[in-house]
N, C-alpha and C. Protein backbone atom coordinates (compact mmCIF):
# COMPACT_ATOMS: atom_id res chain seq x y z
N MET A 1 0.83 -1.19 0.00
CA MET A 1 0.00 0.00 0.00
C MET A 1 0.87 1.25 0.00
N ALA A 2 0.57 2.15 -0.92
CA ALA A 2 1.37 3.36 -1.04
C ALA A 2 0.93 4.45 -0.07
N LYS A 3 -0.38 4.63 0.10
CA LYS A 3 -0.90 5.69 0.96
C LYS A 3 -1.83 5.12 2.02
N ALA A 4 -2.04 5.91 3.09
CA ALA A 4 -2.94 5.48 4.16
C ALA A 4 -4.39 5.69 3.79
N ASN A 5 -4.69 6.85 3.13
CA ASN A 5 -6.07 7.11 2.76
C ASN A 5 -6.16 7.79 1.41
N TYR A 6 -7.34 7.76 0.85
CA TYR A 6 -7.59 8.34 -0.47
C TYR A 6 -8.76 9.29 -0.36
N ILE A 7 -8.69 10.42 -1.06
CA ILE A 7 -9.73 11.43 -0.97
C ILE A 7 -10.46 11.58 -2.29
N GLY A 8 -11.79 11.69 -2.20
CA GLY A 8 -12.61 11.94 -3.37
C GLY A 8 -13.56 13.07 -3.04
N ARG A 9 -13.83 13.93 -4.04
CA ARG A 9 -14.75 15.04 -3.82
C ARG A 9 -15.78 15.11 -4.93
N ARG A 10 -16.98 15.60 -4.58
CA ARG A 10 -18.05 15.81 -5.55
C ARG A 10 -18.97 16.87 -4.96
N LYS A 11 -19.20 17.95 -5.70
CA LYS A 11 -19.96 19.11 -5.20
C LYS A 11 -19.34 19.59 -3.90
N THR A 12 -20.05 19.57 -2.80
CA THR A 12 -19.45 20.02 -1.53
C THR A 12 -19.13 18.84 -0.60
N SER A 13 -19.16 17.63 -1.12
CA SER A 13 -18.90 16.44 -0.32
C SER A 13 -17.43 16.02 -0.43
N THR A 14 -16.88 15.54 0.67
CA THR A 14 -15.52 15.02 0.69
C THR A 14 -15.53 13.66 1.36
N ALA A 15 -14.94 12.68 0.67
CA ALA A 15 -14.87 11.32 1.21
C ALA A 15 -13.41 10.94 1.45
N ARG A 16 -13.13 10.43 2.64
CA ARG A 16 -11.80 9.90 2.96
C ARG A 16 -11.95 8.39 3.09
N LEU A 17 -11.20 7.64 2.27
CA LEU A 17 -11.37 6.20 2.17
C LEU A 17 -10.12 5.45 2.62
N TYR A 18 -10.34 4.43 3.43
CA TYR A 18 -9.27 3.55 3.89
C TYR A 18 -9.56 2.16 3.32
N ILE A 19 -8.56 1.53 2.70
CA ILE A 19 -8.78 0.25 2.04
C ILE A 19 -7.69 -0.75 2.42
N LYS A 20 -8.09 -2.01 2.60
CA LYS A 20 -7.13 -3.08 2.87
C LYS A 20 -7.69 -4.39 2.34
N PRO A 21 -6.84 -5.33 1.96
CA PRO A 21 -7.34 -6.63 1.47
C PRO A 21 -8.19 -7.30 2.55
N GLY A 22 -9.30 -7.87 2.13
CA GLY A 22 -10.21 -8.49 3.09
C GLY A 22 -11.32 -9.26 2.41
N LYS A 23 -12.48 -9.36 3.10
CA LYS A 23 -13.58 -10.18 2.58
C LYS A 23 -14.74 -9.36 2.01
N GLY A 24 -14.55 -8.05 1.82
CA GLY A 24 -15.57 -7.25 1.17
C GLY A 24 -16.45 -6.44 2.09
N GLU A 25 -15.99 -6.13 3.28
CA GLU A 25 -16.77 -5.33 4.23
C GLU A 25 -16.70 -3.86 3.79
N PHE A 26 -17.85 -3.19 3.72
CA PHE A 26 -17.92 -1.80 3.25
C PHE A 26 -18.66 -0.98 4.30
N ILE A 27 -17.95 -0.08 4.99
CA ILE A 27 -18.53 0.73 6.06
C ILE A 27 -18.44 2.21 5.69
N VAL A 28 -19.56 2.93 5.80
CA VAL A 28 -19.59 4.36 5.52
C VAL A 28 -20.07 5.08 6.78
N ASN A 29 -19.23 5.97 7.33
CA ASN A 29 -19.53 6.72 8.56
C ASN A 29 -20.03 5.81 9.69
N GLY A 30 -19.40 4.68 9.85
CA GLY A 30 -19.74 3.75 10.93
C GLY A 30 -20.96 2.90 10.71
N LYS A 31 -21.61 3.04 9.56
CA LYS A 31 -22.80 2.25 9.24
C LYS A 31 -22.51 1.33 8.06
N PRO A 32 -23.23 0.21 7.95
CA PRO A 32 -23.07 -0.62 6.75
C PRO A 32 -23.44 0.18 5.50
N PHE A 33 -22.72 -0.08 4.42
CA PHE A 33 -22.88 0.61 3.14
C PHE A 33 -24.33 0.72 2.69
N GLU A 34 -25.08 -0.38 2.79
CA GLU A 34 -26.48 -0.42 2.33
C GLU A 34 -27.39 0.48 3.16
N ASP A 35 -27.09 0.62 4.46
CA ASP A 35 -27.91 1.46 5.34
C ASP A 35 -27.67 2.94 5.10
N TYR A 36 -26.41 3.30 4.81
CA TYR A 36 -26.08 4.72 4.63
C TYR A 36 -26.57 5.26 3.29
N LEU A 37 -26.27 4.55 2.22
CA LEU A 37 -26.72 4.96 0.88
C LEU A 37 -27.97 4.18 0.54
N SER A 38 -29.09 4.65 1.06
CA SER A 38 -30.34 3.89 1.05
C SER A 38 -30.83 3.39 -0.31
N THR A 39 -30.70 4.17 -1.39
CA THR A 39 -31.26 3.72 -2.67
C THR A 39 -30.24 2.92 -3.50
N GLN A 40 -30.75 2.06 -4.36
CA GLN A 40 -29.91 1.21 -5.20
C GLN A 40 -29.07 2.05 -6.17
N ALA A 41 -29.64 3.14 -6.68
CA ALA A 41 -28.92 4.01 -7.62
C ALA A 41 -27.65 4.58 -6.98
N ARG A 42 -27.76 5.07 -5.74
CA ARG A 42 -26.60 5.63 -5.03
C ARG A 42 -25.57 4.55 -4.73
N MET A 43 -26.04 3.37 -4.37
CA MET A 43 -25.12 2.26 -4.10
C MET A 43 -24.35 1.88 -5.36
N ASN A 44 -25.04 1.89 -6.51
CA ASN A 44 -24.39 1.56 -7.79
C ASN A 44 -23.32 2.59 -8.14
N ILE A 45 -23.63 3.88 -7.91
CA ILE A 45 -22.66 4.95 -8.19
C ILE A 45 -21.40 4.76 -7.34
N ALA A 46 -21.58 4.53 -6.05
CA ALA A 46 -20.45 4.40 -5.13
C ALA A 46 -19.61 3.15 -5.41
N LYS A 47 -20.26 2.05 -5.80
CA LYS A 47 -19.55 0.79 -6.02
C LYS A 47 -19.07 0.58 -7.45
N LEU A 48 -19.34 1.53 -8.34
CA LEU A 48 -18.99 1.38 -9.75
C LEU A 48 -17.52 1.01 -10.00
N PRO A 49 -16.55 1.65 -9.33
CA PRO A 49 -15.15 1.25 -9.57
C PRO A 49 -14.87 -0.23 -9.25
N LEU A 50 -15.50 -0.76 -8.20
CA LEU A 50 -15.33 -2.18 -7.86
C LEU A 50 -15.98 -3.08 -8.91
N THR A 51 -17.17 -2.69 -9.38
CA THR A 51 -17.90 -3.48 -10.37
C THR A 51 -17.14 -3.54 -11.69
N VAL A 52 -16.66 -2.38 -12.14
CA VAL A 52 -15.97 -2.29 -13.43
C VAL A 52 -14.66 -3.09 -13.43
N THR A 53 -13.93 -3.04 -12.32
CA THR A 53 -12.64 -3.75 -12.24
C THR A 53 -12.80 -5.19 -11.74
N GLU A 54 -14.02 -5.61 -11.46
CA GLU A 54 -14.34 -6.97 -10.99
C GLU A 54 -13.56 -7.33 -9.72
N MET A 55 -13.52 -6.40 -8.76
CA MET A 55 -12.82 -6.62 -7.50
C MET A 55 -13.77 -6.58 -6.31
N ASP A 56 -15.07 -6.72 -6.57
CA ASP A 56 -16.07 -6.70 -5.50
C ASP A 56 -15.84 -7.87 -4.55
N GLY A 57 -15.72 -7.57 -3.26
CA GLY A 57 -15.53 -8.62 -2.26
C GLY A 57 -14.08 -8.95 -1.97
N LYS A 58 -13.13 -8.22 -2.55
CA LYS A 58 -11.71 -8.50 -2.33
C LYS A 58 -11.06 -7.57 -1.31
N TYR A 59 -11.75 -6.46 -1.00
CA TYR A 59 -11.17 -5.46 -0.10
C TYR A 59 -12.16 -5.07 1.00
N ASP A 60 -11.61 -4.74 2.17
CA ASP A 60 -12.40 -4.16 3.25
C ASP A 60 -12.24 -2.64 3.12
N ILE A 61 -13.36 -1.94 3.07
CA ILE A 61 -13.34 -0.51 2.83
C ILE A 61 -14.05 0.22 3.96
N LYS A 62 -13.39 1.27 4.46
CA LYS A 62 -13.97 2.11 5.50
C LYS A 62 -13.92 3.55 4.98
N VAL A 63 -15.07 4.22 4.97
CA VAL A 63 -15.16 5.58 4.43
C VAL A 63 -15.72 6.54 5.46
N THR A 64 -15.11 7.73 5.53
CA THR A 64 -15.65 8.84 6.31
C THR A 64 -16.01 9.90 5.30
N VAL A 65 -17.29 10.27 5.25
CA VAL A 65 -17.72 11.25 4.26
C VAL A 65 -18.46 12.39 4.95
N ARG A 66 -18.16 13.63 4.50
CA ARG A 66 -18.75 14.82 5.11
C ARG A 66 -19.22 15.79 4.05
N GLY A 67 -20.22 16.59 4.38
CA GLY A 67 -20.68 17.67 3.53
C GLY A 67 -21.60 17.23 2.41
N GLY A 68 -22.41 18.17 1.93
CA GLY A 68 -23.28 17.92 0.79
C GLY A 68 -24.42 16.99 1.10
N GLY A 69 -25.05 16.49 0.04
CA GLY A 69 -26.16 15.56 0.16
C GLY A 69 -25.69 14.14 -0.09
N VAL A 70 -26.60 13.20 0.00
CA VAL A 70 -26.24 11.79 -0.11
C VAL A 70 -25.77 11.43 -1.53
N THR A 71 -26.35 12.03 -2.56
CA THR A 71 -25.94 11.73 -3.93
C THR A 71 -24.53 12.25 -4.20
N GLY A 72 -24.22 13.45 -3.74
CA GLY A 72 -22.88 14.00 -3.86
C GLY A 72 -21.87 13.17 -3.10
N GLN A 73 -22.29 12.66 -1.95
CA GLN A 73 -21.41 11.81 -1.14
C GLN A 73 -21.12 10.49 -1.86
N ALA A 74 -22.12 9.95 -2.55
CA ALA A 74 -21.92 8.71 -3.32
C ALA A 74 -20.89 8.94 -4.42
N GLY A 75 -20.96 10.09 -5.08
CA GLY A 75 -19.99 10.43 -6.12
C GLY A 75 -18.59 10.60 -5.56
N ALA A 76 -18.49 11.19 -4.37
CA ALA A 76 -17.20 11.38 -3.71
C ALA A 76 -16.58 10.04 -3.33
N ILE A 77 -17.41 9.11 -2.84
CA ILE A 77 -16.95 7.76 -2.48
C ILE A 77 -16.43 7.05 -3.73
N SER A 78 -17.15 7.20 -4.84
CA SER A 78 -16.77 6.57 -6.10
C SER A 78 -15.39 7.03 -6.56
N LEU A 79 -15.13 8.34 -6.50
CA LEU A 79 -13.82 8.87 -6.92
C LEU A 79 -12.71 8.39 -6.00
N ALA A 80 -12.94 8.41 -4.69
CA ALA A 80 -11.94 7.95 -3.73
C ALA A 80 -11.62 6.48 -3.95
N LEU A 81 -12.64 5.68 -4.20
CA LEU A 81 -12.46 4.24 -4.42
C LEU A 81 -11.70 3.98 -5.72
N ALA A 82 -12.01 4.73 -6.76
CA ALA A 82 -11.31 4.59 -8.04
C ALA A 82 -9.83 4.93 -7.88
N ARG A 83 -9.55 5.99 -7.14
CA ARG A 83 -8.15 6.39 -6.90
C ARG A 83 -7.40 5.32 -6.10
N ALA A 84 -8.08 4.73 -5.11
CA ALA A 84 -7.46 3.69 -4.29
C ALA A 84 -7.14 2.46 -5.13
N LEU A 85 -8.10 2.01 -5.94
CA LEU A 85 -7.88 0.82 -6.78
C LEU A 85 -6.78 1.08 -7.81
N ASP A 86 -6.73 2.29 -8.35
CA ASP A 86 -5.70 2.66 -9.32
C ASP A 86 -4.32 2.61 -8.68
N ASP A 87 -4.23 3.05 -7.43
CA ASP A 87 -2.95 3.05 -6.71
C ASP A 87 -2.51 1.63 -6.33
N LEU A 88 -3.47 0.77 -5.99
CA LEU A 88 -3.14 -0.59 -5.56
C LEU A 88 -2.82 -1.53 -6.72
N ASN A 89 -3.52 -1.39 -7.85
CA ASN A 89 -3.32 -2.26 -9.01
C ASN A 89 -3.07 -1.41 -10.24
N GLU A 90 -1.86 -1.46 -10.79
CA GLU A 90 -1.52 -0.64 -11.95
C GLU A 90 -2.30 -1.07 -13.19
N ASP A 91 -2.64 -2.35 -13.28
CA ASP A 91 -3.30 -2.90 -14.48
C ASP A 91 -4.76 -2.46 -14.66
N VAL A 92 -5.39 -1.87 -13.64
CA VAL A 92 -6.79 -1.44 -13.77
C VAL A 92 -6.93 0.02 -14.18
N HIS A 93 -5.82 0.71 -14.35
CA HIS A 93 -5.85 2.14 -14.69
C HIS A 93 -6.64 2.39 -15.98
N GLY A 94 -6.37 1.61 -17.00
CA GLY A 94 -7.04 1.77 -18.30
C GLY A 94 -8.54 1.61 -18.21
N VAL A 95 -8.98 0.61 -17.45
CA VAL A 95 -10.42 0.33 -17.30
C VAL A 95 -11.11 1.48 -16.57
N LEU A 96 -10.49 1.97 -15.50
CA LEU A 96 -11.06 3.07 -14.73
C LEU A 96 -11.12 4.35 -15.56
N LYS A 97 -10.05 4.62 -16.30
CA LYS A 97 -9.98 5.82 -17.14
C LYS A 97 -11.03 5.76 -18.25
N GLU A 98 -11.17 4.58 -18.85
CA GLU A 98 -12.13 4.34 -19.93
C GLU A 98 -13.56 4.66 -19.49
N ASN A 99 -13.89 4.33 -18.25
CA ASN A 99 -15.22 4.55 -17.71
C ASN A 99 -15.38 5.93 -17.05
N GLY A 100 -14.35 6.77 -17.13
CA GLY A 100 -14.41 8.13 -16.59
C GLY A 100 -14.45 8.20 -15.09
N LEU A 101 -13.88 7.22 -14.41
CA LEU A 101 -13.96 7.17 -12.95
C LEU A 101 -12.81 7.88 -12.24
N LEU A 102 -11.76 8.26 -12.99
CA LEU A 102 -10.63 8.94 -12.37
C LEU A 102 -10.72 10.45 -12.54
N THR A 103 -11.77 10.92 -13.21
CA THR A 103 -11.94 12.35 -13.46
C THR A 103 -12.78 12.99 -12.37
N ARG A 104 -12.28 14.08 -11.81
CA ARG A 104 -13.00 14.82 -10.79
C ARG A 104 -14.08 15.65 -11.46
N ASP A 105 -15.32 15.48 -11.06
CA ASP A 105 -16.44 16.26 -11.60
C ASP A 105 -16.44 17.61 -10.90
N ASP A 106 -16.02 18.66 -11.59
CA ASP A 106 -15.82 19.96 -10.94
C ASP A 106 -17.05 20.86 -10.96
N ARG A 107 -18.20 20.34 -11.36
CA ARG A 107 -19.41 21.18 -11.38
C ARG A 107 -19.87 21.49 -9.96
N MET A 108 -20.07 22.79 -9.70
CA MET A 108 -20.51 23.25 -8.39
C MET A 108 -21.75 24.11 -8.56
N VAL A 109 -22.47 24.34 -7.47
CA VAL A 109 -23.64 25.20 -7.50
C VAL A 109 -23.17 26.63 -7.71
N GLU A 110 -23.80 27.33 -8.65
CA GLU A 110 -23.46 28.72 -8.93
C GLU A 110 -23.94 29.60 -7.78
N ARG A 111 -23.14 30.58 -7.41
CA ARG A 111 -23.49 31.42 -6.27
C ARG A 111 -24.65 32.36 -6.60
N LYS A 112 -25.40 32.72 -5.56
CA LYS A 112 -26.49 33.68 -5.70
C LYS A 112 -25.89 35.07 -5.81
N LYS A 113 -26.40 35.88 -6.76
CA LYS A 113 -25.91 37.24 -6.93
C LYS A 113 -26.85 38.22 -6.24
N TYR A 114 -26.29 39.36 -5.80
CA TYR A 114 -27.10 40.40 -5.16
C TYR A 114 -28.02 41.04 -6.21
N GLY A 115 -29.18 41.50 -5.77
CA GLY A 115 -30.14 42.12 -6.67
C GLY A 115 -30.93 41.11 -7.49
N GLN A 116 -30.78 39.82 -7.15
CA GLN A 116 -31.50 38.75 -7.84
C GLN A 116 -31.98 37.75 -6.80
N PRO A 117 -33.12 37.07 -7.06
CA PRO A 117 -33.60 36.11 -6.08
C PRO A 117 -32.78 34.82 -6.03
N LYS A 118 -32.17 34.43 -7.18
CA LYS A 118 -31.34 33.22 -7.25
C LYS A 118 -30.11 33.52 -8.12
N ALA A 119 -29.37 32.49 -8.48
CA ALA A 119 -28.14 32.70 -9.25
C ALA A 119 -28.41 33.35 -10.61
N ARG A 120 -29.44 32.87 -11.32
CA ARG A 120 -29.73 33.42 -12.65
C ARG A 120 -31.11 34.04 -12.78
N LYS A 121 -32.01 33.68 -11.90
CA LYS A 121 -33.37 34.21 -11.95
C LYS A 121 -33.35 35.70 -11.61
N LYS A 122 -34.16 36.47 -12.31
CA LYS A 122 -34.24 37.91 -12.04
C LYS A 122 -35.61 38.24 -11.46
N PHE A 123 -35.69 39.37 -10.74
CA PHE A 123 -36.98 39.84 -10.28
C PHE A 123 -37.79 40.30 -11.47
N GLN A 124 -39.10 40.22 -11.38
CA GLN A 124 -39.96 40.60 -12.50
C GLN A 124 -39.74 42.07 -12.88
N PHE A 125 -39.62 42.29 -14.17
CA PHE A 125 -39.37 43.64 -14.68
C PHE A 125 -40.68 44.26 -15.15
N SER A 126 -40.96 45.48 -14.70
CA SER A 126 -42.16 46.19 -15.13
C SER A 126 -41.76 47.52 -15.75
N LYS A 127 -42.12 47.69 -16.98
CA LYS A 127 -41.74 48.92 -17.69
C LYS A 127 -42.50 50.14 -17.13
N ARG A 128 -43.78 49.96 -16.81
CA ARG A 128 -44.56 51.07 -16.27
C ARG A 128 -45.50 50.63 -15.18
């Protein structure tokens, strides 16, 4: 193992992931993976790097994730996991890159501007 932990970010969420060879235990913020990421769609997003590289059940994974919503947190977990697998096995780099799992999604919420109700919405304009 090259590093102790791996970091993944998505929107305002940050995931810190610890990985070691094991029997496939996946813990997120002290809870089982299935309990924390309640829907199947979020679970699929977070586990995508394991599914694509066919390494499901080979590692014990412990994640601490903070900030944002649950969907953003799932994306952050996915990036951290992809980075960890890339660091541990050089031969899976191509597969992860091909599926776009090593790219940080830098889209963020646009800030609200003064004189407007939202980021782009304007107050109603009345000529007279």
